[in-house]
């Protein structure tokens, strides 16, 4: 079984990214990449994109992913090459229903064509490696479903070429919300100084302060109730995700909000501080990071070549003996 996942460098990684993604990238034979080409579907600063790509790749290695499993998407040309073939297999109607295009592009002036077609690039990311498990957050379900539909259609029209992937959902981590607005998810795309976001490379005192300032409510009762107590529920779910506990059971251990926040801060730092130390070690040795990413690139190029070749032949762009 092959596992694959990627993270777009649209901002600095957060606690939610770690608990919902990095910590779940556990397959030593998997493929995990920085999806820097996905960050180009809207206006971007090239220098910031390069910086975030490097920071994210280093954090992935710091999270324990072995050399050979981590690479940068743009270093593997097959992703963009297969994406065009899948554009020729996809329908305008299904792409127009994708949530990112509906929210960020439809009807807006100067919408980039890539925002409309990038779900085909995401499908290519998945299908190139014979991926059967895709561990992603809840906001990516629709893209995995499209990849499944495109794979089934391609296999039917051109011959068996792709593995049809399955979505692998997280239980708690994908529900982590913004500390200042617990009805919205904690997003790496928010400004770097967003008060409700915990960044993986924030200093420990900043992280603790963010948690202690988390929005709660005025009734003083600690209970898991997403509809009526979203702030407390969010804190309980962060604590549960960090400690592998049950948020409902954890609620019974607290009589005050202050005690809960203090324990959440401790649990978050227990997760983040080892990651920060390893990141600092890797960042001080850029040659080692370069070597690890080169190993991941070479492995990804080798692994993706057969399916790109098979898709190219199946669609009539090359002869089967060429």
C-alpha atoms as a PDB file:
ATOM      1  CA  UNK A   1       0.000   0.000   0.000  1.00  0.00           C
ATOM      2  CA  UNK A   2       1.266   3.479  -0.908  1.00  0.00           C
ATOM      3  CA  UNK A   3       0.511   6.630   1.074  1.00  0.00           C
ATOM      4  CA  UNK A   4       0.900  10.134  -0.342  1.00  0.00           C
ATOM      5  CA  UNK A   5       0.116  13.642   0.841  1.00  0.00           C
ATOM      6  CA  UNK A   6       1.240  17.182   0.163  1.00  0.00           C
ATOM      7  CA  UNK A   7       0.988  20.560   1.884  1.00  0.00           C
ATOM      8  CA  UNK A   8       0.727  23.857   0.011  1.00  0.00           C
ATOM      9  CA  UNK A   9       3.179  26.560   1.161  1.00  0.00           C
ATOM     10  CA  UNK A  10       0.516  29.263   1.345  1.00  0.00           C
ATOM     11  CA  UNK A  11       1.601  30.272   4.853  1.00  0.00           C
ATOM     12  CA  UNK A  12       3.595  29.128   7.849  1.00  0.00           C
ATOM     13  CA  UNK A  13       2.622  25.726   9.227  1.00  0.00           C
ATOM     14  CA  UNK A  14       0.336  25.608  12.253  1.00  0.00           C
ATOM     15  CA  UNK A  15      -0.457  23.245  15.089  1.00  0.00           C
ATOM     16  CA  UNK A  16      -3.411  22.032  13.059  1.00  0.00           C
ATOM     17  CA  UNK A  17      -1.121  21.166  10.141  1.00  0.00           C
ATOM     18  CA  UNK A  18       1.107  19.145  12.450  1.00  0.00           C
ATOM     19  CA  UNK A  19      -1.655  17.233  14.216  1.00  0.00           C
ATOM     20  CA  UNK A  20      -3.774  16.775  11.101  1.00  0.00           C
ATOM     21  CA  UNK A  21      -1.001  16.105   8.604  1.00  0.00           C
ATOM     22  CA  UNK A  22       2.694  15.926   9.567  1.00  0.00           C
ATOM     23  CA  UNK A  23       2.148  13.646  12.547  1.00  0.00           C
ATOM     24  CA  UNK A  24       0.097  11.296  10.370  1.00  0.00           C
ATOM     25  CA  UNK A  25       2.768  10.965   7.670  1.00  0.00           C
ATOM     26  CA  UNK A  26       4.067   7.689   9.042  1.00  0.00           C
ATOM     27  CA  UNK A  27       4.565   5.423   6.030  1.00  0.00           C
ATOM     28  CA  UNK A  28       8.334   4.910   5.572  1.00  0.00           C
ATOM     29  CA  UNK A  29       7.634   4.064   1.930  1.00  0.00           C
ATOM     30  CA  UNK A  30       5.235   6.968   1.371  1.00  0.00           C
ATOM     31  CA  UNK A  31       5.608  10.109  -0.726  1.00  0.00           C
ATOM     32  CA  UNK A  32       5.202  13.454   1.066  1.00  0.00           C
ATOM     33  CA  UNK A  33       5.784  16.707  -0.750  1.00  0.00           C
ATOM     34  CA  UNK A  34       5.642  20.481  -0.598  1.00  0.00           C
ATOM     35  CA  UNK A  35       2.948  21.375  -3.147  1.00  0.00           C
ATOM     36  CA  UNK A  36       4.538  24.624  -4.273  1.00  0.00           C
ATOM     37  CA  UNK A  37       2.847  24.586  -7.674  1.00  0.00           C
ATOM     38  CA  UNK A  38      -0.524  24.715  -5.916  1.00  0.00           C
ATOM     39  CA  UNK A  39       0.532  28.008  -4.301  1.00  0.00           C
ATOM     40  CA  UNK A  40       0.552  29.698  -7.715  1.00  0.00           C
ATOM     41  CA  UNK A  41      -3.183  29.624  -8.387  1.00  0.00           C
ATOM     42  CA  UNK A  42      -3.563  33.111  -6.888  1.00  0.00           C
ATOM     43  CA  UNK A  43      -1.228  36.123  -6.786  1.00  0.00           C
ATOM     44  CA  UNK A  44       1.917  35.321  -4.836  1.00  0.00           C
ATOM     45  CA  UNK A  45       5.336  36.737  -3.950  1.00  0.00           C
ATOM     46  CA  UNK A  46       8.044  34.515  -5.513  1.00  0.00           C
ATOM     47  CA  UNK A  47      10.544  35.226  -2.721  1.00  0.00           C
ATOM     48  CA  UNK A  48       8.021  34.335  -0.029  1.00  0.00           C
ATOM     49  CA  UNK A  49       7.076  31.165  -1.915  1.00  0.00           C
ATOM     50  CA  UNK A  50      10.723  30.049  -2.003  1.00  0.00           C
ATOM     51  CA  UNK A  51      11.155  30.814   1.689  1.00  0.00           C
ATOM     52  CA  UNK A  52       7.987  28.996   2.739  1.00  0.00           C
ATOM     53  CA  UNK A  53       8.813  26.014   0.509  1.00  0.00           C
ATOM     54  CA  UNK A  54      12.187  25.564   2.183  1.00  0.00           C
ATOM     55  CA  UNK A  55      10.779  26.099   5.687  1.00  0.00           C
ATOM     56  CA  UNK A  56       7.992  23.593   5.078  1.00  0.00           C
ATOM     57  CA  UNK A  57      10.287  20.942   3.616  1.00  0.00           C
ATOM     58  CA  UNK A  58      12.624  21.302   6.596  1.00  0.00           C
ATOM     59  CA  UNK A  59       9.703  21.005   9.031  1.00  0.00           C
ATOM     60  CA  UNK A  60       8.557  17.822   7.300  1.00  0.00           C
ATOM     61  CA  UNK A  61      12.003  16.333   7.806  1.00  0.00           C
ATOM     62  CA  UNK A  62      12.069  17.621  11.394  1.00  0.00           C
ATOM     63  CA  UNK A  63       8.770  15.849  12.039  1.00  0.00           C
ATOM     64  CA  UNK A  64      10.580  12.549  11.499  1.00  0.00           C
ATOM     65  CA  UNK A  65       9.957  11.755   7.854  1.00  0.00           C
ATOM     66  CA  UNK A  66      12.997   9.861   6.570  1.00  0.00           C
ATOM     67  CA  UNK A  67      15.136  11.081   3.662  1.00  0.00           C
ATOM     68  CA  UNK A  68      13.684   9.765   0.428  1.00  0.00           C
ATOM     69  CA  UNK A  69      10.056  10.361   1.388  1.00  0.00           C
ATOM     70  CA  UNK A  70      10.085  14.183   1.212  1.00  0.00           C
ATOM     71  CA  UNK A  71      10.387  16.221  -1.985  1.00  0.00           C
ATOM     72  CA  UNK A  72       9.325  19.479  -3.596  1.00  0.00           C
ATOM     73  CA  UNK A  73       6.564  19.119  -6.177  1.00  0.00           C
ATOM     74  CA  UNK A  74       8.121  21.363  -8.836  1.00  0.00           C
ATOM     75  CA  UNK A  75      11.305  19.253  -8.782  1.00  0.00           C
ATOM     76  CA  UNK A  76       9.346  16.358 -10.320  1.00  0.00           C
ATOM     77  CA  UNK A  77       8.145  17.396 -13.830  1.00  0.00           C
ATOM     78  CA  UNK A  78       5.762  14.440 -14.110  1.00  0.00           C
ATOM     79  CA  UNK A  79       3.241  16.219 -11.840  1.00  0.00           C
ATOM     80  CA  UNK A  80       2.632  19.038 -14.321  1.00  0.00           C
ATOM     81  CA  UNK A  81       2.864  16.685 -17.308  1.00  0.00           C
ATOM     82  CA  UNK A  82       0.196  14.298 -16.034  1.00  0.00           C
ATOM     83  CA  UNK A  83      -1.962  17.217 -14.915  1.00  0.00           C
ATOM     84  CA  UNK A  84      -2.468  18.248 -18.549  1.00  0.00           C
ATOM     85  CA  UNK A  85      -3.452  14.736 -19.558  1.00  0.00           C
ATOM     86  CA  UNK A  86      -6.010  14.698 -16.742  1.00  0.00           C
ATOM     87  CA  UNK A  87      -7.337  18.099 -17.833  1.00  0.00           C
ATOM     88  CA  UNK A  88      -8.092  16.354 -21.118  1.00  0.00           C
ATOM     89  CA  UNK A  89     -10.047  13.753 -19.146  1.00  0.00           C
ATOM     90  CA  UNK A  90     -11.961  16.100 -16.820  1.00  0.00           C
ATOM     91  CA  UNK A  91     -15.159  18.062 -17.419  1.00  0.00           C
ATOM     92  CA  UNK A  92     -15.786  21.780 -17.017  1.00  0.00           C
ATOM     93  CA  UNK A  93     -18.883  21.044 -14.948  1.00  0.00           C
ATOM     94  CA  UNK A  94     -17.098  19.025 -12.289  1.00  0.00           C
ATOM     95  CA  UNK A  95     -14.220  21.503 -12.035  1.00  0.00           C
ATOM     96  CA  UNK A  96     -16.641  24.417 -11.670  1.00  0.00           C
ATOM     97  CA  UNK A  97     -18.172  22.712  -8.630  1.00  0.00           C
ATOM     98  CA  UNK A  98     -14.876  22.572  -6.732  1.00  0.00           C
ATOM     99  CA  UNK A  99     -15.123  24.626  -3.563  1.00  0.00           C
ATOM    100  CA  UNK A 100     -11.905  26.643  -3.986  1.00  0.00           C
ATOM    101  CA  UNK A 101     -12.976  27.869  -7.414  1.00  0.00           C
ATOM    102  CA  UNK A 102     -16.483  28.661  -6.192  1.00  0.00           C
ATOM    103  CA  UNK A 103     -15.156  30.651  -3.219  1.00  0.00           C
ATOM    104  CA  UNK A 104     -12.095  32.349  -4.720  1.00  0.00           C
ATOM    105  CA  UNK A 105     -12.595  32.553  -8.471  1.00  0.00           C
ATOM    106  CA  UNK A 106     -16.049  32.219  -9.950  1.00  0.00           C
ATOM    107  CA  UNK A 107     -17.295  35.546 -11.285  1.00  0.00           C
ATOM    108  CA  UNK A 108     -14.226  37.458 -10.095  1.00  0.00           C
ATOM    109  CA  UNK A 109     -12.044  39.528 -12.428  1.00  0.00           C
ATOM    110  CA  UNK A 110      -8.504  38.293 -13.192  1.00  0.00           C
ATOM    111  CA  UNK A 111      -9.124  34.809 -11.818  1.00  0.00           C
ATOM    112  CA  UNK A 112      -6.229  32.640 -12.897  1.00  0.00           C
ATOM    113  CA  UNK A 113      -6.994  29.668 -15.119  1.00  0.00           C
ATOM    114  CA  UNK A 114      -4.878  27.536 -12.803  1.00  0.00           C
ATOM    115  CA  UNK A 115      -7.378  28.066  -9.971  1.00  0.00           C
ATOM    116  CA  UNK A 116      -9.966  26.341 -12.154  1.00  0.00           C
ATOM    117  CA  UNK A 117      -7.744  23.510 -13.351  1.00  0.00           C
ATOM    118  CA  UNK A 118      -5.515  22.848 -10.339  1.00  0.00           C
ATOM    119  CA  UNK A 119      -7.726  19.987  -9.054  1.00  0.00           C
ATOM    120  CA  UNK A 120      -6.329  18.109 -12.069  1.00  0.00           C
ATOM    121  CA  UNK A 121      -2.818  18.794 -10.756  1.00  0.00           C
ATOM    122  CA  UNK A 122      -3.878  17.467  -7.365  1.00  0.00           C
ATOM    123  CA  UNK A 123      -5.291  14.379  -9.045  1.00  0.00           C
ATOM    124  CA  UNK A 124      -1.983  13.944 -10.863  1.00  0.00           C
ATOM    125  CA  UNK A 125      -0.117  14.231  -7.550  1.00  0.00           C
ATOM    126  CA  UNK A 126      -2.147  11.327  -6.232  1.00  0.00           C
ATOM    127  CA  UNK A 127      -2.372   9.078  -9.280  1.00  0.00           C
ATOM    128  CA  UNK A 128       1.296   9.216 -10.316  1.00  0.00           C
ATOM    129  CA  UNK A 129       2.415   7.005  -7.446  1.00  0.00           C
ATOM    130  CA  UNK A 130      -0.224   4.292  -7.381  1.00  0.00           C
ATOM    131  CA  UNK A 131      -1.497   5.893  -4.200  1.00  0.00           C
ATOM    132  CA  UNK A 132      -4.185   3.907  -2.389  1.00  0.00           C
ATOM    133  CA  UNK A 133      -4.362   6.014   0.826  1.00  0.00           C
ATOM    134  CA  UNK A 134      -4.524   9.808   0.917  1.00  0.00           C
ATOM    135  CA  UNK A 135      -4.316  11.229   4.482  1.00  0.00           C
ATOM    136  CA  UNK A 136      -5.807  14.731   4.165  1.00  0.00           C
ATOM    137  CA  UNK A 137      -7.902  17.173   6.156  1.00  0.00           C
ATOM    138  CA  UNK A 138     -11.642  17.484   5.719  1.00  0.00           C
ATOM    139  CA  UNK A 139     -11.361  20.452   3.353  1.00  0.00           C
ATOM    140  CA  UNK A 140      -9.658  18.218   0.766  1.00  0.00           C
ATOM    141  CA  UNK A 141     -12.273  15.469   0.590  1.00  0.00           C
ATOM    142  CA  UNK A 142     -13.719  16.877  -2.623  1.00  0.00           C
ATOM    143  CA  UNK A 143     -10.335  16.793  -4.375  1.00  0.00           C
ATOM    144  CA  UNK A 144      -9.755  13.154  -3.523  1.00  0.00           C
ATOM    145  CA  UNK A 145     -13.228  12.328  -4.804  1.00  0.00           C
ATOM    146  CA  UNK A 146     -12.385  14.065  -8.088  1.00  0.00           C
ATOM    147  CA  UNK A 147      -9.144  12.088  -8.323  1.00  0.00           C
ATOM    148  CA  UNK A 148     -11.172   8.905  -7.860  1.00  0.00           C
ATOM    149  CA  UNK A 149     -13.677   9.936 -10.546  1.00  0.00           C
ATOM    150  CA  UNK A 150     -10.941  10.884 -13.004  1.00  0.00           C
ATOM    151  CA  UNK A 151      -9.043   7.636 -12.402  1.00  0.00           C
ATOM    152  CA  UNK A 152     -12.169   5.543 -12.943  1.00  0.00           C
ATOM    153  CA  UNK A 153     -13.037   7.465 -16.128  1.00  0.00           C
ATOM    154  CA  UNK A 154      -9.479   7.241 -17.484  1.00  0.00           C
ATOM    155  CA  UNK A 155      -9.306   3.503 -16.826  1.00  0.00           C
ATOM    156  CA  UNK A 156     -12.664   2.994 -18.518  1.00  0.00           C
ATOM    157  CA  UNK A 157     -11.884   5.073 -21.615  1.00  0.00           C
ATOM    158  CA  UNK A 158      -8.179   4.352 -22.155  1.00  0.00           C
ATOM    159  CA  UNK A 159      -7.457   1.122 -20.302  1.00  0.00           C
ATOM    160  CA  UNK A 160      -6.415   0.197 -16.777  1.00  0.00           C
ATOM    161  CA  UNK A 161      -3.706   2.679 -15.825  1.00  0.00           C
ATOM    162  CA  UNK A 162      -4.335   4.142 -12.360  1.00  0.00           C
ATOM    163  CA  UNK A 163      -5.037   2.857  -8.871  1.00  0.00           C
ATOM    164  CA  UNK A 164      -8.295   4.344  -7.548  1.00  0.00           C
ATOM    165  CA  UNK A 165      -7.335   5.969  -4.212  1.00  0.00           C
ATOM    166  CA  UNK A 166      -9.164   5.930  -0.887  1.00  0.00           C
ATOM    167  CA  UNK A 167      -9.518   8.924   1.448  1.00  0.00           C
ATOM    168  CA  UNK A 168      -7.933   8.481   4.906  1.00  0.00           C
ATOM    169  CA  UNK A 169      -9.595  10.844   7.373  1.00  0.00           C
ATOM    170  CA  UNK A 170      -8.308  12.122  10.699  1.00  0.00           C
ATOM    171  CA  UNK A 171     -10.546  11.749  13.730  1.00  0.00           C
ATOM    172  CA  UNK A 172      -9.841  14.903  15.756  1.00  0.00           C
ATOM    173  CA  UNK A 173      -7.002  16.883  14.279  1.00  0.00           C
ATOM    174  CA  UNK A 174      -8.873  18.173  11.255  1.00  0.00           C
ATOM    175  CA  UNK A 175     -11.397  19.833  13.599  1.00  0.00           C
ATOM    176  CA  UNK A 176      -8.873  22.124  15.289  1.00  0.00           C
ATOM    177  CA  UNK A 177     -10.174  25.679  15.151  1.00  0.00           C
ATOM    178  CA  UNK A 178      -8.798  29.186  15.456  1.00  0.00           C
ATOM    179  CA  UNK A 179      -8.308  30.175  19.106  1.00  0.00           C
ATOM    180  CA  UNK A 180      -9.753  33.652  18.550  1.00  0.00           C
ATOM    181  CA  UNK A 181     -12.596  32.468  16.311  1.00  0.00           C
ATOM    182  CA  UNK A 182     -13.437  28.872  17.237  1.00  0.00           C
ATOM    183  CA  UNK A 183     -16.041  28.578  14.475  1.00  0.00           C
ATOM    184  CA  UNK A 184     -13.290  28.775  11.815  1.00  0.00           C
ATOM    185  CA  UNK A 185     -10.401  26.381  11.258  1.00  0.00           C
ATOM    186  CA  UNK A 186      -6.851  27.273  12.272  1.00  0.00           C
ATOM    187  CA  UNK A 187      -5.402  28.273   8.913  1.00  0.00           C
ATOM    188  CA  UNK A 188      -1.809  28.655   7.766  1.00  0.00           C
ATOM    189  CA  UNK A 189      -3.064  31.118   5.147  1.00  0.00           C
ATOM    190  CA  UNK A 190      -3.898  33.699   7.830  1.00  0.00           C
ATOM    191  CA  UNK A 191      -1.505  36.542   8.530  1.00  0.00           C
ATOM    192  CA  UNK A 192       1.649  35.505  10.392  1.00  0.00           C
ATOM    193  CA  UNK A 193       0.580  37.568  13.424  1.00  0.00           C
ATOM    194  CA  UNK A 194      -2.973  36.201  13.619  1.00  0.00           C
ATOM    195  CA  UNK A 195      -3.850  36.030  17.316  1.00  0.00           C
ATOM    196  CA  UNK A 196      -5.812  32.788  17.083  1.00  0.00           C
ATOM    197  CA  UNK A 197      -3.205  30.748  15.224  1.00  0.00           C
ATOM    198  CA  UNK A 198      -0.382  28.672  16.729  1.00  0.00           C
ATOM    199  CA  UNK A 199       2.553  28.519  14.314  1.00  0.00           C
ATOM    200  CA  UNK A 200       4.949  25.608  14.640  1.00  0.00           C
ATOM    201  CA  UNK A 201       7.955  27.920  14.814  1.00  0.00           C
ATOM    202  CA  UNK A 202       6.468  30.482  17.220  1.00  0.00           C
ATOM    203  CA  UNK A 203       8.506  30.964  20.439  1.00  0.00           C
ATOM    204  CA  UNK A 204       7.153  28.959  23.414  1.00  0.00           C
ATOM    205  CA  UNK A 205       6.103  32.080  25.308  1.00  0.00           C
ATOM    206  CA  UNK A 206       4.070  33.255  22.317  1.00  0.00           C
ATOM    207  CA  UNK A 207       2.379  29.856  22.040  1.00  0.00           C
ATOM    208  CA  UNK A 208       1.487  29.812  25.720  1.00  0.00           C
ATOM    209  CA  UNK A 209       0.123  33.349  25.502  1.00  0.00           C
ATOM    210  CA  UNK A 210      -2.012  32.446  22.473  1.00  0.00           C
ATOM    211  CA  UNK A 211      -3.566  29.527  24.343  1.00  0.00           C
ATOM    212  CA  UNK A 212      -4.189  31.479  27.545  1.00  0.00           C
ATOM    213  CA  UNK A 213      -5.953  34.197  25.529  1.00  0.00           C
ATOM    214  CA  UNK A 214      -8.197  31.723  23.696  1.00  0.00           C
ATOM    215  CA  UNK A 215     -11.825  32.791  23.385  1.00  0.00           C
ATOM    216  CA  UNK A 216     -14.182  30.868  25.680  1.00  0.00           C
ATOM    217  CA  UNK A 217     -17.556  31.980  27.142  1.00  0.00           C
ATOM    218  CA  UNK A 218     -19.043  33.326  30.365  1.00  0.00           C
ATOM    219  CA  UNK A 219     -20.873  30.392  31.973  1.00  0.00           C
ATOM    220  CA  UNK A 220     -17.769  28.803  33.521  1.00  0.00           C
ATOM    221  CA  UNK A 221     -18.657  25.145  32.839  1.00  0.00           C
ATOM    222  CA  UNK A 222     -16.125  22.919  31.108  1.00  0.00           C
ATOM    223  CA  UNK A 223     -17.964  20.573  28.778  1.00  0.00           C
ATOM    224  CA  UNK A 224     -17.669  19.350  25.202  1.00  0.00           C
ATOM    225  CA  UNK A 225     -20.467  21.122  23.327  1.00  0.00           C
ATOM    226  CA  UNK A 226     -19.496  22.276  19.843  1.00  0.00           C
ATOM    227  CA  UNK A 227     -22.710  24.203  19.190  1.00  0.00           C
ATOM    228  CA  UNK A 228     -22.996  26.123  22.464  1.00  0.00           C
ATOM    229  CA  UNK A 229     -19.381  26.171  23.674  1.00  0.00           C
ATOM    230  CA  UNK A 230     -17.151  26.219  20.575  1.00  0.00           C
ATOM    231  CA  UNK A 231     -14.164  27.788  22.367  1.00  0.00           C
ATOM    232  CA  UNK A 232     -14.057  25.244  25.194  1.00  0.00           C
ATOM    233  CA  UNK A 233     -14.745  22.406  22.770  1.00  0.00           C
ATOM    234  CA  UNK A 234     -11.828  23.534  20.617  1.00  0.00           C
ATOM    235  CA  UNK A 235      -9.481  23.571  23.619  1.00  0.00           C
ATOM    236  CA  UNK A 236     -10.625  20.105  24.647  1.00  0.00           C
ATOM    237  CA  UNK A 237     -10.067  18.763  21.139  1.00  0.00           C
ATOM    238  CA  UNK A 238      -6.592  20.304  20.943  1.00  0.00           C
ATOM    239  CA  UNK A 239      -5.762  18.692  24.294  1.00  0.00           C
ATOM    240  CA  UNK A 240      -7.182  15.370  23.126  1.00  0.00           C
ATOM    241  CA  UNK A 241      -5.237  15.483  19.850  1.00  0.00           C
ATOM    242  CA  UNK A 242      -1.983  16.285  21.684  1.00  0.00           C
ATOM    243  CA  UNK A 243      -2.406  13.612  24.345  1.00  0.00           C
ATOM    244  CA  UNK A 244      -4.327  10.929  22.430  1.00  0.00           C
ATOM    245  CA  UNK A 245      -7.230  11.397  24.827  1.00  0.00           C
ATOM    246  CA  UNK A 246     -10.994  11.684  24.480  1.00  0.00           C
ATOM    247  CA  UNK A 247     -12.290  15.286  24.568  1.00  0.00           C
ATOM    248  CA  UNK A 248     -15.558  14.368  26.286  1.00  0.00           C
ATOM    249  CA  UNK A 249     -13.778  12.427  29.022  1.00  0.00           C
ATOM    250  CA  UNK A 250     -11.164  15.147  29.449  1.00  0.00           C
ATOM    251  CA  UNK A 251     -13.864  17.734  30.115  1.00  0.00           C
ATOM    252  CA  UNK A 252     -14.721  15.979  33.366  1.00  0.00           C
ATOM    253  CA  UNK A 253     -11.237  16.643  34.727  1.00  0.00           C
ATOM    254  CA  UNK A 254     -11.631  20.429  34.850  1.00  0.00           C
ATOM    255  CA  UNK A 255     -13.598  22.827  36.998  1.00  0.00           C
ATOM    256  CA  UNK A 256     -12.093  26.070  35.670  1.00  0.00           C
ATOM    257  CA  UNK A 257     -11.201  27.434  32.257  1.00  0.00           C
ATOM    258  CA  UNK A 258      -7.810  28.571  33.520  1.00  0.00           C
ATOM    259  CA  UNK A 259      -6.759  25.069  34.502  1.00  0.00           C
ATOM    260  CA  UNK A 260      -7.864  23.731  31.126  1.00  0.00           C
ATOM    261  CA  UNK A 261      -5.961  26.413  29.229  1.00  0.00           C
ATOM    262  CA  UNK A 262      -2.826  25.798  31.279  1.00  0.00           C
ATOM    263  CA  UNK A 263      -2.892  22.079  30.520  1.00  0.00           C
ATOM    264  CA  UNK A 264      -3.581  22.746  26.840  1.00  0.00           C
ATOM    265  CA  UNK A 265      -0.571  25.058  26.659  1.00  0.00           C
ATOM    266  CA  UNK A 266       1.621  22.424  28.338  1.00  0.00           C
ATOM    267  CA  UNK A 267       0.389  19.706  25.983  1.00  0.00           C
ATOM    268  CA  UNK A 268       0.894  21.850  22.881  1.00  0.00           C
ATOM    269  CA  UNK A 269       4.432  22.751  23.902  1.00  0.00           C
ATOM    270  CA  UNK A 270       5.220  19.118  24.649  1.00  0.00           C
ATOM    271  CA  UNK A 271       4.369  18.383  21.021  1.00  0.00           C
ATOM    272  CA  UNK A 272       5.958  21.426  19.412  1.00  0.00           C
ATOM    273  CA  UNK A 273       9.224  21.968  21.317  1.00  0.00           C
ATOM    274  CA  UNK A 274      10.921  18.710  20.165  1.00  0.00           C
ATOM    275  CA  UNK A 275       9.905  19.581  16.596  1.00  0.00           C
ATOM    276  CA  UNK A 276      11.419  23.057  16.938  1.00  0.00           C
ATOM    277  CA  UNK A 277      14.698  21.665  18.263  1.00  0.00           C
ATOM    278  CA  UNK A 278      15.023  19.251  15.356  1.00  0.00           C
ATOM    279  CA  UNK A 279      14.101  22.011  12.889  1.00  0.00           C
ATOM    280  CA  UNK A 280      16.853  24.234  14.315  1.00  0.00           C
ATOM    281  CA  UNK A 281      19.367  21.406  13.954  1.00  0.00           C
ATOM    282  CA  UNK A 282      18.426  20.780  10.328  1.00  0.00           C
ATOM    283  CA  UNK A 283      18.282  24.468   9.422  1.00  0.00           C
ATOM    284  CA  UNK A 284      21.855  24.832  10.656  1.00  0.00           C
ATOM    285  CA  UNK A 285      22.969  22.149   8.166  1.00  0.00           C
ATOM    286  CA  UNK A 286      21.466  23.190   4.789  1.00  0.00           C
ATOM    287  CA  UNK A 287      23.590  20.669   2.923  1.00  0.00           C
ATOM    288  CA  UNK A 288      21.894  17.811   4.771  1.00  0.00           C
ATOM    289  CA  UNK A 289      18.468  19.204   3.911  1.00  0.00           C
ATOM    290  CA  UNK A 290      19.485  19.575   0.254  1.00  0.00           C
ATOM    291  CA  UNK A 291      20.699  15.983   0.183  1.00  0.00           C
ATOM    292  CA  UNK A 292      17.494  14.653   1.762  1.00  0.00           C
ATOM    293  CA  UNK A 293      15.313  16.563  -0.713  1.00  0.00           C
ATOM    294  CA  UNK A 294      17.444  15.432  -3.651  1.00  0.00           C
ATOM    295  CA  UNK A 295      17.006  11.840  -2.514  1.00  0.00           C
ATOM    296  CA  UNK A 296      13.254  12.364  -2.298  1.00  0.00           C
ATOM    297  CA  UNK A 297      13.199  14.028  -5.732  1.00  0.00           C
ATOM    298  CA  UNK A 298      15.119  11.204  -7.400  1.00  0.00           C
ATOM    299  CA  UNK A 299      12.942   8.552  -5.798  1.00  0.00           C
ATOM    300  CA  UNK A 300       9.766  10.410  -6.841  1.00  0.00           C
ATOM    301  CA  UNK A 301      10.991  10.815 -10.437  1.00  0.00           C
ATOM    302  CA  UNK A 302      11.770   7.116 -10.655  1.00  0.00           C
ATOM    303  CA  UNK A 303       8.471   6.074  -9.083  1.00  0.00           C
ATOM    304  CA  UNK A 304       6.289   8.418 -11.169  1.00  0.00           C
ATOM    305  CA  UNK A 305       7.819   7.688 -14.572  1.00  0.00           C
ATOM    306  CA  UNK A 306       6.030   4.386 -15.319  1.00  0.00           C
ATOM    307  CA  UNK A 307       2.495   5.749 -14.792  1.00  0.00           C
ATOM    308  CA  UNK A 308       3.188   8.933 -16.715  1.00  0.00           C
ATOM    309  CA  UNK A 309       4.533   6.785 -19.532  1.00  0.00           C
ATOM    310  CA  UNK A 310       1.532   4.443 -19.368  1.00  0.00           C
ATOM    311  CA  UNK A 311      -0.926   7.365 -19.426  1.00  0.00           C
ATOM    312  CA  UNK A 312       0.904   8.968 -22.352  1.00  0.00           C
ATOM    313  CA  UNK A 313       0.790   5.750 -24.362  1.00  0.00           C
ATOM    314  CA  UNK A 314      -2.836   5.029 -23.418  1.00  0.00           C
ATOM    315  CA  UNK A 315      -3.959   8.436 -24.708  1.00  0.00           C
ATOM    316  CA  UNK A 316      -2.165   7.973 -28.026  1.00  0.00           C
ATOM    317  CA  UNK A 317       0.675  10.450 -27.565  1.00  0.00           C
ATOM    318  CA  UNK A 318       3.368   7.794 -27.875  1.00  0.00           C
ATOM    319  CA  UNK A 319       3.691   4.306 -29.268  1.00  0.00           C
ATOM    320  CA  UNK A 320       3.774   1.386 -26.889  1.00  0.00           C
ATOM    321  CA  UNK A 321       7.251   0.399 -28.118  1.00  0.00           C
ATOM    322  CA  UNK A 322       8.827   3.886 -28.093  1.00  0.00           C
END
